[in-house]
C-alpha cells in the first residue's frame, strides 16, 4: 500500500519535486506520531527548504496520510503553542514506515503516542458523522502542560480529554488538568474532564471539576 502510494499516486500528482526528500520526510514524521510539528526543525534535519517541507506536508494531508490537530489558544497568542500536532489516518502506515513490525518494537512513550493516535482518530471519525460536528483541538502551554484532546459539548463548552496507556492516573496528567482549568482558554468554564486509559470506570475531582475515567474500550 505504501509502495503504491509513493511510487504511483504521488508521482502521478506531479507536485513532488524530489521524490526521495518526500519519502524521507514521511518516514521521519512516522517516528514522531502525536508530536507538535516543527517545520523549521524538519527543514534543518532533512536539508529540505522550509517552503518545500510545508508543501509536502500539505500534500500528505490532502492525500489522507497525515491528520493534523490544531491548538487551542486565546487572543494572547504568545502564551500558547500554535503549531499543529501530527497524527496518521492509519497507525499501521506509521508503524510500517518506522519498522515497528513486532510488539516488542512498541515500548515506552511510543506505545502511548500510538494509543493516543488511535483514540483521537476514532473520536474524529464518530464526530464527522454527527449532524453538527464539534471543533477539536489540543492545548499546551510553554511550561509543558498539555491536554491531548479538547472538544466542544452541546453548550459550546470545552471538555478536556487526556489519554494514557497506563492503568493508573499519572501525576503529570493531574497537573495538566489543574493547569487547563486554571489558565487555558475556557478552562475555568469547562464542565468536567475525561481520562481515557486501560483501567476501570471511576471518578475523581480535580480543581472542583469531576474527571471521569473511561476504559479505552468504552471510548468512541
N, C-alpha and C. Protein backbone atom coordinates (compact mmCIF):
# COMPACT_ATOMS: atom_id res chain seq x y z
N UNK A 1 0.83 -1.21 0.00
CA UNK A 1 0.00 0.00 0.00
C UNK A 1 0.86 1.26 0.00
N UNK A 2 1.89 1.27 0.90
CA UNK A 2 2.78 2.43 0.97
C UNK A 2 3.58 2.57 -0.31
N UNK A 3 4.08 1.45 -0.81
CA UNK A 3 4.87 1.50 -2.04
C UNK A 3 4.04 2.01 -3.20
N UNK A 4 2.78 1.55 -3.25
CA UNK A 4 1.88 2.01 -4.32
C UNK A 4 1.63 3.50 -4.20
N UNK A 5 1.41 3.95 -2.97
CA UNK A 5 1.17 5.37 -2.73
C UNK A 5 2.36 6.21 -3.17
N UNK A 6 3.56 5.79 -2.76
CA UNK A 6 4.75 6.56 -3.08
C UNK A 6 5.14 6.46 -4.55
N UNK A 7 5.10 5.26 -5.08
CA UNK A 7 5.59 5.05 -6.44
C UNK A 7 4.60 5.50 -7.52
N UNK A 8 3.30 5.30 -7.25
CA UNK A 8 2.32 5.60 -8.29
C UNK A 8 1.52 6.88 -8.03
N UNK A 9 0.87 6.93 -6.87
CA UNK A 9 -0.05 8.03 -6.60
C UNK A 9 0.67 9.38 -6.50
N UNK A 10 1.76 9.42 -5.75
CA UNK A 10 2.46 10.69 -5.57
C UNK A 10 3.15 11.13 -6.85
N UNK A 11 3.74 10.21 -7.57
CA UNK A 11 4.36 10.58 -8.84
C UNK A 11 3.30 11.10 -9.81
N UNK A 12 2.10 10.52 -9.75
CA UNK A 12 1.03 10.94 -10.66
C UNK A 12 0.59 12.37 -10.38
N UNK A 13 0.73 12.81 -9.11
CA UNK A 13 0.34 14.17 -8.78
C UNK A 13 1.23 15.20 -9.48
N UNK A 14 2.48 14.85 -9.65
CA UNK A 14 3.40 15.74 -10.34
C UNK A 14 3.77 16.98 -9.55
N UNK A 15 3.49 16.98 -8.21
CA UNK A 15 3.76 18.16 -7.40
C UNK A 15 4.96 17.95 -6.48
N UNK A 16 5.53 16.76 -6.50
CA UNK A 16 6.68 16.47 -5.65
C UNK A 16 7.96 16.58 -6.49
N UNK A 17 8.76 17.59 -6.19
CA UNK A 17 9.96 17.82 -6.98
C UNK A 17 11.04 16.78 -6.75
N UNK A 18 11.22 16.40 -5.47
CA UNK A 18 12.25 15.42 -5.14
C UNK A 18 11.59 14.27 -4.39
N UNK A 19 11.46 13.16 -5.07
CA UNK A 19 10.75 12.01 -4.51
C UNK A 19 11.43 11.48 -3.25
N UNK A 20 12.76 11.45 -3.22
CA UNK A 20 13.49 10.95 -2.06
C UNK A 20 13.27 11.84 -0.84
N UNK A 21 13.27 13.16 -1.05
CA UNK A 21 13.02 14.09 0.06
C UNK A 21 11.63 13.88 0.64
N UNK A 22 10.68 13.70 -0.24
CA UNK A 22 9.29 13.49 0.19
C UNK A 22 9.19 12.21 1.02
N UNK A 23 9.79 11.15 0.54
CA UNK A 23 9.77 9.87 1.23
C UNK A 23 10.47 9.96 2.58
N UNK A 24 11.59 10.64 2.65
CA UNK A 24 12.33 10.80 3.91
C UNK A 24 11.54 11.61 4.92
N UNK A 25 10.84 12.63 4.44
CA UNK A 25 10.00 13.44 5.33
C UNK A 25 8.90 12.59 5.94
N UNK A 26 8.25 11.79 5.11
CA UNK A 26 7.18 10.93 5.58
C UNK A 26 7.70 9.92 6.62
N UNK A 27 8.83 9.34 6.36
CA UNK A 27 9.40 8.37 7.29
C UNK A 27 9.79 9.03 8.61
N UNK A 28 10.34 10.24 8.53
CA UNK A 28 10.72 10.96 9.74
C UNK A 28 9.51 11.25 10.62
N UNK A 29 8.43 11.69 10.01
CA UNK A 29 7.21 12.00 10.76
C UNK A 29 6.63 10.76 11.40
N UNK A 30 6.85 9.59 10.77
CA UNK A 30 6.31 8.34 11.32
C UNK A 30 6.92 8.01 12.68
N UNK A 31 8.10 8.56 12.97
CA UNK A 31 8.74 8.34 14.26
C UNK A 31 8.26 9.36 15.31
N UNK A 32 7.47 10.34 14.87
CA UNK A 32 7.07 11.43 15.75
C UNK A 32 5.56 11.56 15.84
N UNK A 33 4.87 10.44 15.85
CA UNK A 33 3.40 10.44 15.94
C UNK A 33 2.96 11.19 17.19
N UNK A 34 2.01 12.11 17.03
CA UNK A 34 1.48 12.85 18.17
C UNK A 34 2.33 13.99 18.66
N UNK A 35 3.42 14.26 17.98
CA UNK A 35 4.28 15.37 18.40
C UNK A 35 3.86 16.65 17.69
N UNK A 36 4.25 17.76 18.27
CA UNK A 36 3.94 19.06 17.67
C UNK A 36 4.88 19.30 16.50
N UNK A 37 4.32 19.60 15.36
CA UNK A 37 5.12 19.77 14.15
C UNK A 37 5.99 21.02 14.24
N UNK A 38 7.23 20.86 13.88
CA UNK A 38 8.17 21.97 13.85
C UNK A 38 8.81 21.97 12.47
N UNK A 39 8.27 22.79 11.58
CA UNK A 39 8.73 22.78 10.20
C UNK A 39 10.18 23.23 10.07
N UNK A 40 10.58 24.16 10.91
CA UNK A 40 11.97 24.62 10.86
C UNK A 40 12.93 23.49 11.21
N UNK A 41 12.57 22.70 12.23
CA UNK A 41 13.41 21.58 12.63
C UNK A 41 13.46 20.51 11.55
N UNK A 42 12.31 20.19 10.97
CA UNK A 42 12.27 19.20 9.89
C UNK A 42 13.10 19.67 8.69
N UNK A 43 12.99 20.94 8.38
CA UNK A 43 13.74 21.51 7.26
C UNK A 43 15.24 21.39 7.50
N UNK A 44 15.66 21.73 8.72
CA UNK A 44 17.08 21.68 9.06
C UNK A 44 17.61 20.25 9.11
N UNK A 45 16.86 19.35 9.76
CA UNK A 45 17.32 17.98 9.93
C UNK A 45 17.41 17.22 8.61
N UNK A 46 16.47 17.50 7.70
CA UNK A 46 16.42 16.77 6.44
C UNK A 46 17.11 17.49 5.28
N UNK A 47 17.51 18.75 5.52
CA UNK A 47 18.16 19.51 4.45
C UNK A 47 17.20 19.84 3.32
N UNK A 48 15.94 20.09 3.68
CA UNK A 48 14.92 20.43 2.69
C UNK A 48 14.44 21.85 2.98
N UNK A 49 14.25 22.64 1.96
CA UNK A 49 13.81 24.02 2.14
C UNK A 49 12.50 24.08 2.92
N UNK A 50 12.37 25.10 3.76
CA UNK A 50 11.19 25.25 4.62
C UNK A 50 9.90 25.21 3.81
N UNK A 51 9.83 25.98 2.74
CA UNK A 51 8.60 26.03 1.94
C UNK A 51 8.30 24.69 1.28
N UNK A 52 9.35 23.93 0.99
CA UNK A 52 9.14 22.60 0.40
C UNK A 52 8.56 21.65 1.43
N UNK A 53 9.08 21.72 2.66
CA UNK A 53 8.53 20.89 3.75
C UNK A 53 7.06 21.23 3.95
N UNK A 54 6.76 22.50 3.97
CA UNK A 54 5.39 22.96 4.15
C UNK A 54 4.48 22.42 3.04
N UNK A 55 4.97 22.46 1.82
CA UNK A 55 4.21 21.97 0.67
C UNK A 55 4.00 20.47 0.76
N UNK A 56 5.05 19.72 1.11
CA UNK A 56 4.94 18.27 1.18
C UNK A 56 3.98 17.83 2.29
N UNK A 57 4.00 18.51 3.42
CA UNK A 57 3.07 18.18 4.49
C UNK A 57 1.64 18.45 4.06
N UNK A 58 1.45 19.51 3.29
CA UNK A 58 0.12 19.81 2.76
C UNK A 58 -0.36 18.68 1.86
N UNK A 59 0.56 18.13 1.05
CA UNK A 59 0.20 17.00 0.18
C UNK A 59 -0.15 15.77 1.01
N UNK A 60 0.60 15.53 2.08
CA UNK A 60 0.33 14.39 2.96
C UNK A 60 -1.05 14.52 3.62
N UNK A 61 -1.44 15.73 3.92
CA UNK A 61 -2.78 15.95 4.47
C UNK A 61 -3.85 15.72 3.40
N UNK A 62 -3.61 16.26 2.22
CA UNK A 62 -4.59 16.17 1.13
C UNK A 62 -4.79 14.73 0.64
N UNK A 63 -3.75 13.91 0.80
CA UNK A 63 -3.83 12.52 0.34
C UNK A 63 -4.18 11.57 1.49
N UNK A 64 -4.65 12.13 2.60
CA UNK A 64 -5.16 11.36 3.74
C UNK A 64 -4.12 10.40 4.35
N UNK A 65 -2.90 10.91 4.47
CA UNK A 65 -1.86 10.19 5.19
C UNK A 65 -1.71 10.82 6.59
N UNK A 66 -1.57 12.13 6.62
CA UNK A 66 -1.45 12.83 7.89
C UNK A 66 -2.77 13.47 8.30
N UNK A 67 -2.97 13.48 9.60
CA UNK A 67 -4.21 14.01 10.17
C UNK A 67 -3.84 15.03 11.25
N UNK A 68 -3.82 16.33 10.94
CA UNK A 68 -3.38 17.32 11.92
C UNK A 68 -4.46 17.65 12.96
N UNK A 69 -4.02 18.03 14.14
CA UNK A 69 -4.92 18.51 15.18
C UNK A 69 -4.44 19.89 15.59
N UNK A 70 -5.31 20.87 15.49
CA UNK A 70 -4.94 22.27 15.72
C UNK A 70 -4.93 22.61 17.22
N UNK A 71 -4.13 23.60 17.60
CA UNK A 71 -4.08 24.00 19.01
C UNK A 71 -5.20 24.96 19.38
N UNK A 72 -5.55 24.94 20.64
CA UNK A 72 -6.49 25.90 21.20
C UNK A 72 -5.68 27.02 21.82
N UNK A 73 -5.95 28.25 21.45
CA UNK A 73 -5.22 29.36 22.05
C UNK A 73 -6.11 30.58 22.16
N UNK A 74 -5.78 31.44 23.11
CA UNK A 74 -6.55 32.65 23.36
C UNK A 74 -6.01 33.79 22.52
N UNK A 75 -6.54 34.97 22.72
CA UNK A 75 -6.07 36.14 21.96
C UNK A 75 -4.62 36.46 22.28
N UNK A 76 -4.23 36.17 23.52
CA UNK A 76 -2.83 36.39 23.90
C UNK A 76 -2.03 35.23 23.32
N UNK A 77 -1.84 35.24 22.02
CA UNK A 77 -1.30 34.08 21.31
C UNK A 77 0.12 33.71 21.72
N UNK A 78 0.87 34.66 22.22
CA UNK A 78 2.26 34.37 22.56
C UNK A 78 2.38 33.36 23.69
N UNK A 79 1.31 33.16 24.45
CA UNK A 79 1.37 32.28 25.60
C UNK A 79 1.19 30.82 25.22
N UNK A 80 0.70 30.57 24.03
CA UNK A 80 0.32 29.20 23.69
C UNK A 80 0.99 28.71 22.41
N UNK A 81 1.25 27.42 22.39
CA UNK A 81 1.84 26.80 21.21
C UNK A 81 0.86 26.90 20.05
N UNK A 82 1.35 27.23 18.86
CA UNK A 82 0.45 27.41 17.72
C UNK A 82 0.64 26.37 16.62
N UNK A 83 1.65 25.55 16.71
CA UNK A 83 1.86 24.52 15.70
C UNK A 83 0.91 23.35 15.92
N UNK A 84 0.53 22.69 14.84
CA UNK A 84 -0.37 21.55 14.93
C UNK A 84 0.37 20.30 15.40
N UNK A 85 -0.40 19.33 15.89
CA UNK A 85 0.15 18.01 16.21
C UNK A 85 -0.18 17.10 15.04
N UNK A 86 0.72 16.19 14.73
CA UNK A 86 0.56 15.32 13.57
C UNK A 86 0.20 13.89 13.97
N UNK A 87 -0.90 13.43 13.43
CA UNK A 87 -1.32 12.04 13.60
C UNK A 87 -1.48 11.42 12.22
N UNK A 88 -1.58 10.10 12.20
CA UNK A 88 -1.80 9.39 10.95
C UNK A 88 -3.24 8.92 10.87
N UNK A 89 -3.80 8.97 9.66
CA UNK A 89 -5.14 8.41 9.46
C UNK A 89 -5.12 6.92 9.77
N UNK A 90 -4.01 6.26 9.48
CA UNK A 90 -3.86 4.83 9.71
C UNK A 90 -2.56 4.59 10.47
N UNK A 91 -2.67 4.15 11.73
CA UNK A 91 -1.47 3.93 12.54
C UNK A 91 -0.59 2.86 11.93
N UNK A 92 -1.19 1.93 11.20
CA UNK A 92 -0.41 0.87 10.55
C UNK A 92 0.59 1.44 9.57
N UNK A 93 0.24 2.54 8.92
CA UNK A 93 1.15 3.19 7.98
C UNK A 93 2.38 3.72 8.72
N UNK A 94 2.13 4.36 9.86
CA UNK A 94 3.24 4.90 10.65
C UNK A 94 4.15 3.77 11.14
N UNK A 95 3.55 2.68 11.58
CA UNK A 95 4.35 1.55 12.07
C UNK A 95 5.16 0.91 10.95
N UNK A 96 4.58 0.81 9.78
CA UNK A 96 5.29 0.23 8.64
C UNK A 96 6.49 1.09 8.26
N UNK A 97 6.28 2.39 8.18
CA UNK A 97 7.35 3.29 7.79
C UNK A 97 8.50 3.31 8.80
N UNK A 98 8.16 3.21 10.09
CA UNK A 98 9.18 3.26 11.14
C UNK A 98 9.66 1.87 11.54
N UNK A 99 9.20 0.86 10.78
CA UNK A 99 9.61 -0.53 11.00
C UNK A 99 9.25 -1.05 12.38
N UNK A 100 8.11 -0.59 12.90
CA UNK A 100 7.59 -1.15 14.16
C UNK A 100 6.68 -2.32 13.79
N UNK A 101 7.29 -3.42 13.43
CA UNK A 101 6.54 -4.57 12.92
C UNK A 101 6.26 -5.65 13.96
N UNK A 102 6.90 -5.54 15.12
CA UNK A 102 6.71 -6.52 16.19
C UNK A 102 6.27 -5.81 17.47
N UNK A 103 5.60 -6.55 18.34
CA UNK A 103 5.08 -5.97 19.58
C UNK A 103 6.20 -5.36 20.42
N UNK A 104 7.36 -6.01 20.44
CA UNK A 104 8.47 -5.52 21.26
C UNK A 104 9.05 -4.20 20.71
N UNK A 105 8.70 -3.83 19.49
CA UNK A 105 9.17 -2.56 18.92
C UNK A 105 8.39 -1.37 19.47
N UNK A 106 7.26 -1.65 20.10
CA UNK A 106 6.40 -0.57 20.60
C UNK A 106 6.50 -0.54 22.11
N UNK A 107 7.38 0.34 22.60
CA UNK A 107 7.62 0.43 24.03
C UNK A 107 7.68 1.89 24.47
N UNK A 108 7.57 2.10 25.78
CA UNK A 108 7.74 3.42 26.36
C UNK A 108 6.76 4.45 25.82
N UNK A 109 7.28 5.61 25.47
CA UNK A 109 6.42 6.70 25.00
C UNK A 109 5.78 6.39 23.66
N UNK A 110 6.41 5.51 22.88
CA UNK A 110 5.86 5.18 21.56
C UNK A 110 4.49 4.56 21.68
N UNK A 111 4.31 3.61 22.59
CA UNK A 111 3.01 2.97 22.74
C UNK A 111 1.96 3.98 23.18
N UNK A 112 2.36 4.96 23.98
CA UNK A 112 1.42 5.99 24.42
C UNK A 112 0.96 6.87 23.27
N UNK A 113 1.89 7.26 22.41
CA UNK A 113 1.53 8.11 21.27
C UNK A 113 0.67 7.37 20.26
N UNK A 114 0.97 6.09 20.02
CA UNK A 114 0.16 5.31 19.09
C UNK A 114 -1.25 5.09 19.65
N UNK A 115 -1.32 4.83 20.95
CA UNK A 115 -2.60 4.68 21.65
C UNK A 115 -3.42 5.97 21.48
N UNK A 116 -2.77 7.10 21.68
CA UNK A 116 -3.39 8.41 21.53
C UNK A 116 -3.87 8.62 20.10
N UNK A 117 -3.06 8.26 19.14
CA UNK A 117 -3.41 8.41 17.73
C UNK A 117 -4.70 7.64 17.41
N UNK A 118 -4.77 6.40 17.86
CA UNK A 118 -5.94 5.57 17.60
C UNK A 118 -7.20 6.15 18.24
N UNK A 119 -7.10 6.61 19.48
CA UNK A 119 -8.25 7.14 20.20
C UNK A 119 -8.75 8.45 19.59
N UNK A 120 -7.82 9.32 19.23
CA UNK A 120 -8.21 10.59 18.62
C UNK A 120 -8.86 10.36 17.27
N UNK A 121 -8.29 9.44 16.49
CA UNK A 121 -8.86 9.16 15.18
C UNK A 121 -10.25 8.54 15.29
N UNK A 122 -10.47 7.68 16.28
CA UNK A 122 -11.78 7.07 16.45
C UNK A 122 -12.82 8.11 16.83
N UNK A 123 -12.42 9.07 17.70
CA UNK A 123 -13.34 10.15 18.06
C UNK A 123 -13.64 11.03 16.86
N UNK A 124 -12.62 11.35 16.09
CA UNK A 124 -12.81 12.19 14.92
C UNK A 124 -13.75 11.54 13.92
N UNK A 125 -13.61 10.24 13.71
CA UNK A 125 -14.47 9.53 12.76
C UNK A 125 -15.93 9.60 13.20
N UNK A 126 -16.16 9.41 14.51
CA UNK A 126 -17.52 9.50 15.04
C UNK A 126 -18.04 10.92 14.94
N UNK A 127 -17.17 11.87 15.24
CA UNK A 127 -17.57 13.28 15.23
C UNK A 127 -17.98 13.74 13.84
N UNK A 128 -17.27 13.26 12.82
CA UNK A 128 -17.57 13.67 11.44
C UNK A 128 -18.92 13.16 10.96
N UNK A 129 -19.45 12.13 11.61
CA UNK A 129 -20.74 11.57 11.22
C UNK A 129 -21.91 12.23 11.94
N UNK A 130 -21.60 13.16 12.83
CA UNK A 130 -22.67 13.89 13.52
C UNK A 130 -23.28 14.93 12.59
N UNK A 131 -24.51 15.28 12.89
CA UNK A 131 -25.17 16.32 12.09
C UNK A 131 -24.49 17.67 12.28
N UNK A 132 -23.96 17.89 13.47
CA UNK A 132 -23.21 19.13 13.76
C UNK A 132 -21.88 18.77 14.41
N UNK A 133 -20.85 18.47 13.62
CA UNK A 133 -19.55 18.10 14.18
C UNK A 133 -18.99 19.17 15.11
N UNK A 134 -18.36 18.74 16.17
CA UNK A 134 -17.78 19.66 17.14
C UNK A 134 -16.32 19.95 16.80
N UNK A 135 -15.87 21.15 17.13
CA UNK A 135 -14.48 21.50 16.91
C UNK A 135 -13.59 20.68 17.84
N UNK A 136 -12.42 20.32 17.34
CA UNK A 136 -11.46 19.53 18.10
C UNK A 136 -10.13 20.28 18.15
N UNK A 137 -9.47 20.23 19.30
CA UNK A 137 -8.19 20.90 19.49
C UNK A 137 -7.31 20.07 20.43
N UNK A 138 -6.08 20.53 20.60
CA UNK A 138 -5.25 20.13 21.74
C UNK A 138 -4.80 21.41 22.40
N UNK A 139 -4.28 21.33 23.60
CA UNK A 139 -3.81 22.53 24.29
C UNK A 139 -2.48 22.24 24.95
N UNK A 140 -1.59 23.21 24.85
CA UNK A 140 -0.30 23.11 25.54
C UNK A 140 0.22 24.49 25.84
N UNK A 141 0.76 24.68 27.04
CA UNK A 141 1.37 25.96 27.36
C UNK A 141 2.89 25.81 27.33
N UNK A 142 3.59 26.92 27.52
CA UNK A 142 5.05 26.88 27.41
C UNK A 142 5.73 26.32 28.66
N UNK A 143 4.95 25.92 29.64
CA UNK A 143 5.51 25.24 30.80
C UNK A 143 5.43 23.72 30.62
N UNK A 144 4.88 23.31 29.48
CA UNK A 144 4.84 21.89 29.16
C UNK A 144 3.56 21.18 29.53
N UNK A 145 2.59 21.88 30.14
CA UNK A 145 1.31 21.26 30.44
C UNK A 145 0.54 21.05 29.14
N UNK A 146 -0.07 19.90 29.00
CA UNK A 146 -0.72 19.59 27.72
C UNK A 146 -1.98 18.76 27.93
N UNK A 147 -3.00 19.06 27.15
CA UNK A 147 -4.22 18.25 27.11
C UNK A 147 -4.29 17.65 25.71
N UNK A 148 -4.41 16.32 25.64
CA UNK A 148 -4.34 15.62 24.36
C UNK A 148 -5.44 16.01 23.39
N UNK A 149 -6.65 16.16 23.90
CA UNK A 149 -7.80 16.46 23.05
C UNK A 149 -8.79 17.33 23.80
N UNK A 150 -9.33 18.31 23.09
CA UNK A 150 -10.38 19.16 23.64
C UNK A 150 -11.50 19.20 22.62
N UNK A 151 -12.72 18.97 23.06
CA UNK A 151 -13.85 19.09 22.14
C UNK A 151 -14.95 19.93 22.79
N UNK A 152 -15.80 20.46 21.96
CA UNK A 152 -16.91 21.28 22.45
C UNK A 152 -18.13 20.40 22.72
N UNK A 153 -18.81 20.64 23.85
CA UNK A 153 -20.06 19.93 24.09
C UNK A 153 -21.22 20.72 23.49
N UNK A 154 -22.42 20.29 23.74
CA UNK A 154 -23.59 20.93 23.14
C UNK A 154 -23.77 22.38 23.56
N UNK A 155 -23.21 22.72 24.72
CA UNK A 155 -23.32 24.10 25.21
C UNK A 155 -22.10 24.93 24.79
N UNK A 156 -21.31 24.37 23.86
CA UNK A 156 -20.12 25.03 23.34
C UNK A 156 -19.09 25.32 24.44
N UNK A 157 -19.05 24.43 25.41
CA UNK A 157 -18.04 24.49 26.46
C UNK A 157 -16.96 23.47 26.14
N UNK A 158 -15.73 23.77 26.52
CA UNK A 158 -14.61 22.89 26.21
C UNK A 158 -14.50 21.74 27.23
N UNK A 159 -14.36 20.55 26.71
CA UNK A 159 -14.17 19.36 27.56
C UNK A 159 -12.75 18.82 27.32
N UNK A 160 -11.88 18.83 28.34
CA UNK A 160 -10.51 18.33 28.18
C UNK A 160 -10.45 16.81 28.32
N UNK A 161 -9.73 16.19 27.41
CA UNK A 161 -9.60 14.73 27.42
C UNK A 161 -8.11 14.36 27.42
N UNK A 162 -7.71 13.60 28.42
CA UNK A 162 -6.35 13.08 28.46
C UNK A 162 -6.39 11.59 28.12
N UNK A 163 -5.34 11.11 27.47
CA UNK A 163 -5.28 9.71 27.05
C UNK A 163 -4.00 9.09 27.59
N UNK A 164 -4.13 7.92 28.15
CA UNK A 164 -2.99 7.32 28.82
C UNK A 164 -3.00 5.81 28.66
N UNK A 165 -1.88 5.24 28.26
CA UNK A 165 -1.78 3.79 28.07
C UNK A 165 -1.70 3.05 29.40
N UNK A 166 -1.51 3.79 30.47
CA UNK A 166 -1.38 3.21 31.80
C UNK A 166 -2.74 2.73 32.35
N UNK A 167 -2.69 1.94 33.41
CA UNK A 167 -3.90 1.51 34.11
C UNK A 167 -4.16 2.37 35.33
N UNK A 168 -3.30 3.37 35.56
CA UNK A 168 -3.45 4.26 36.70
C UNK A 168 -3.50 5.71 36.22
N UNK A 169 -3.59 6.64 37.15
CA UNK A 169 -3.70 8.06 36.84
C UNK A 169 -2.34 8.73 37.11
N UNK A 170 -1.54 8.97 36.08
CA UNK A 170 -0.21 9.56 36.27
C UNK A 170 -0.27 10.95 36.90
N UNK A 171 0.70 11.25 37.73
CA UNK A 171 0.75 12.56 38.39
C UNK A 171 0.83 13.70 37.37
N UNK A 172 1.57 13.47 36.28
CA UNK A 172 1.69 14.51 35.27
C UNK A 172 0.37 14.88 34.64
N UNK A 173 -0.51 13.89 34.47
CA UNK A 173 -1.83 14.15 33.90
C UNK A 173 -2.66 15.02 34.84
N UNK A 174 -2.52 14.79 36.14
CA UNK A 174 -3.24 15.60 37.12
C UNK A 174 -2.82 17.07 37.01
N UNK A 175 -1.52 17.28 36.86
CA UNK A 175 -1.01 18.64 36.72
C UNK A 175 -1.54 19.30 35.46
N UNK A 176 -1.69 18.51 34.41
CA UNK A 176 -2.22 19.05 33.15
C UNK A 176 -3.65 19.55 33.33
N UNK A 177 -4.46 18.78 34.05
CA UNK A 177 -5.84 19.20 34.30
C UNK A 177 -5.88 20.48 35.13
N UNK A 178 -5.08 20.52 36.19
CA UNK A 178 -5.03 21.71 37.03
C UNK A 178 -4.67 22.94 36.19
N UNK A 179 -3.65 22.81 35.34
CA UNK A 179 -3.20 23.92 34.51
C UNK A 179 -4.30 24.34 33.53
N UNK A 180 -4.97 23.36 32.93
CA UNK A 180 -6.02 23.68 31.97
C UNK A 180 -7.17 24.42 32.63
N UNK A 181 -7.65 23.92 33.76
CA UNK A 181 -8.77 24.55 34.45
C UNK A 181 -8.41 25.94 34.96
N UNK A 182 -7.13 26.16 35.21
CA UNK A 182 -6.70 27.44 35.77
C UNK A 182 -6.39 28.48 34.70
N UNK A 183 -5.74 28.08 33.59
CA UNK A 183 -5.22 29.10 32.68
C UNK A 183 -5.56 28.93 31.20
N UNK A 184 -6.12 27.81 30.79
CA UNK A 184 -6.42 27.62 29.36
C UNK A 184 -7.65 28.41 28.96
N UNK A 185 -7.76 28.79 27.69
CA UNK A 185 -8.96 29.47 27.21
C UNK A 185 -10.18 28.59 27.46
N UNK A 186 -11.14 29.11 28.21
CA UNK A 186 -12.34 28.34 28.51
C UNK A 186 -12.16 27.29 29.57
N UNK A 187 -10.97 27.24 30.17
CA UNK A 187 -10.68 26.21 31.17
C UNK A 187 -11.52 26.34 32.43
N UNK A 188 -11.70 27.55 32.90
CA UNK A 188 -12.48 27.76 34.12
C UNK A 188 -13.94 27.38 33.93
N UNK A 189 -14.43 27.48 32.70
CA UNK A 189 -15.83 27.17 32.42
C UNK A 189 -16.05 25.71 32.02
N UNK A 190 -14.97 24.95 31.90
CA UNK A 190 -15.10 23.55 31.49
C UNK A 190 -15.97 22.79 32.48
N UNK A 191 -16.96 22.03 32.01
CA UNK A 191 -17.88 21.35 32.93
C UNK A 191 -17.26 20.15 33.65
N UNK A 192 -16.32 19.47 32.99
CA UNK A 192 -15.68 18.28 33.56
C UNK A 192 -14.53 17.89 32.66
N UNK A 193 -13.82 16.84 33.04
CA UNK A 193 -12.74 16.32 32.23
C UNK A 193 -12.90 14.82 32.04
N UNK A 194 -12.17 14.26 31.09
CA UNK A 194 -12.24 12.83 30.80
C UNK A 194 -10.82 12.27 30.71
N UNK A 195 -10.62 11.10 31.30
CA UNK A 195 -9.36 10.37 31.15
C UNK A 195 -9.68 9.03 30.50
N UNK A 196 -9.08 8.78 29.33
CA UNK A 196 -9.25 7.50 28.65
C UNK A 196 -7.98 6.70 28.90
N UNK A 197 -8.13 5.51 29.49
CA UNK A 197 -6.94 4.74 29.87
C UNK A 197 -7.29 3.25 29.86
N UNK A 198 -6.43 2.43 30.43
CA UNK A 198 -6.66 0.97 30.42
C UNK A 198 -7.17 0.45 31.76
N UNK A 199 -7.60 1.37 32.61
CA UNK A 199 -8.12 0.98 33.92
C UNK A 199 -9.63 0.83 33.92
N UNK A 200 -10.22 0.99 35.12
CA UNK A 200 -11.66 0.79 35.30
C UNK A 200 -12.41 2.12 35.34
N UNK A 201 -13.72 2.03 35.23
CA UNK A 201 -14.59 3.21 35.32
C UNK A 201 -14.55 3.75 36.75
N UNK A 202 -14.30 5.05 36.89
CA UNK A 202 -14.36 5.69 38.20
C UNK A 202 -14.39 7.21 38.01
N UNK A 203 -14.37 7.92 39.11
CA UNK A 203 -14.45 9.39 39.06
C UNK A 203 -13.55 9.98 40.13
N UNK A 204 -12.93 11.11 39.80
CA UNK A 204 -12.08 11.82 40.74
C UNK A 204 -12.31 13.31 40.54
N UNK A 205 -12.09 14.11 41.58
CA UNK A 205 -12.28 15.55 41.49
C UNK A 205 -10.93 16.25 41.49
N UNK A 206 -10.75 17.14 40.53
CA UNK A 206 -9.53 17.94 40.42
C UNK A 206 -9.94 19.39 40.20
N UNK A 207 -9.49 20.25 41.08
CA UNK A 207 -9.84 21.67 40.95
C UNK A 207 -11.34 21.89 40.92
N UNK A 208 -12.07 21.14 41.73
CA UNK A 208 -13.53 21.22 41.82
C UNK A 208 -14.25 20.78 40.55
N UNK A 209 -13.51 20.11 39.68
CA UNK A 209 -14.10 19.58 38.44
C UNK A 209 -14.05 18.05 38.48
N UNK A 210 -15.12 17.42 38.05
CA UNK A 210 -15.14 15.96 38.00
C UNK A 210 -14.31 15.47 36.82
N UNK A 211 -13.49 14.47 37.05
CA UNK A 211 -12.74 13.80 35.99
C UNK A 211 -13.30 12.39 35.88
N UNK A 212 -13.87 12.07 34.73
CA UNK A 212 -14.46 10.75 34.53
C UNK A 212 -13.44 9.83 33.85
N UNK A 213 -13.15 8.73 34.49
CA UNK A 213 -12.20 7.75 33.97
C UNK A 213 -12.95 6.75 33.10
N UNK A 214 -12.54 6.62 31.85
CA UNK A 214 -13.22 5.75 30.90
C UNK A 214 -12.23 4.73 30.34
N UNK A 215 -12.53 3.44 30.46
CA UNK A 215 -11.67 2.43 29.83
C UNK A 215 -11.65 2.65 28.32
N UNK A 216 -10.53 2.39 27.69
CA UNK A 216 -10.37 2.68 26.27
C UNK A 216 -11.44 2.00 25.41
N UNK A 217 -11.92 0.82 25.85
CA UNK A 217 -12.87 0.09 25.03
C UNK A 217 -14.28 0.67 25.09
N UNK A 218 -14.49 1.65 26.01
CA UNK A 218 -15.77 2.36 26.06
C UNK A 218 -15.72 3.68 25.31
N UNK A 219 -14.53 4.02 24.85
CA UNK A 219 -14.36 5.27 24.09
C UNK A 219 -14.95 5.07 22.70
N UNK A 220 -15.16 6.16 21.95
CA UNK A 220 -15.78 6.06 20.64
C UNK A 220 -15.03 5.12 19.72
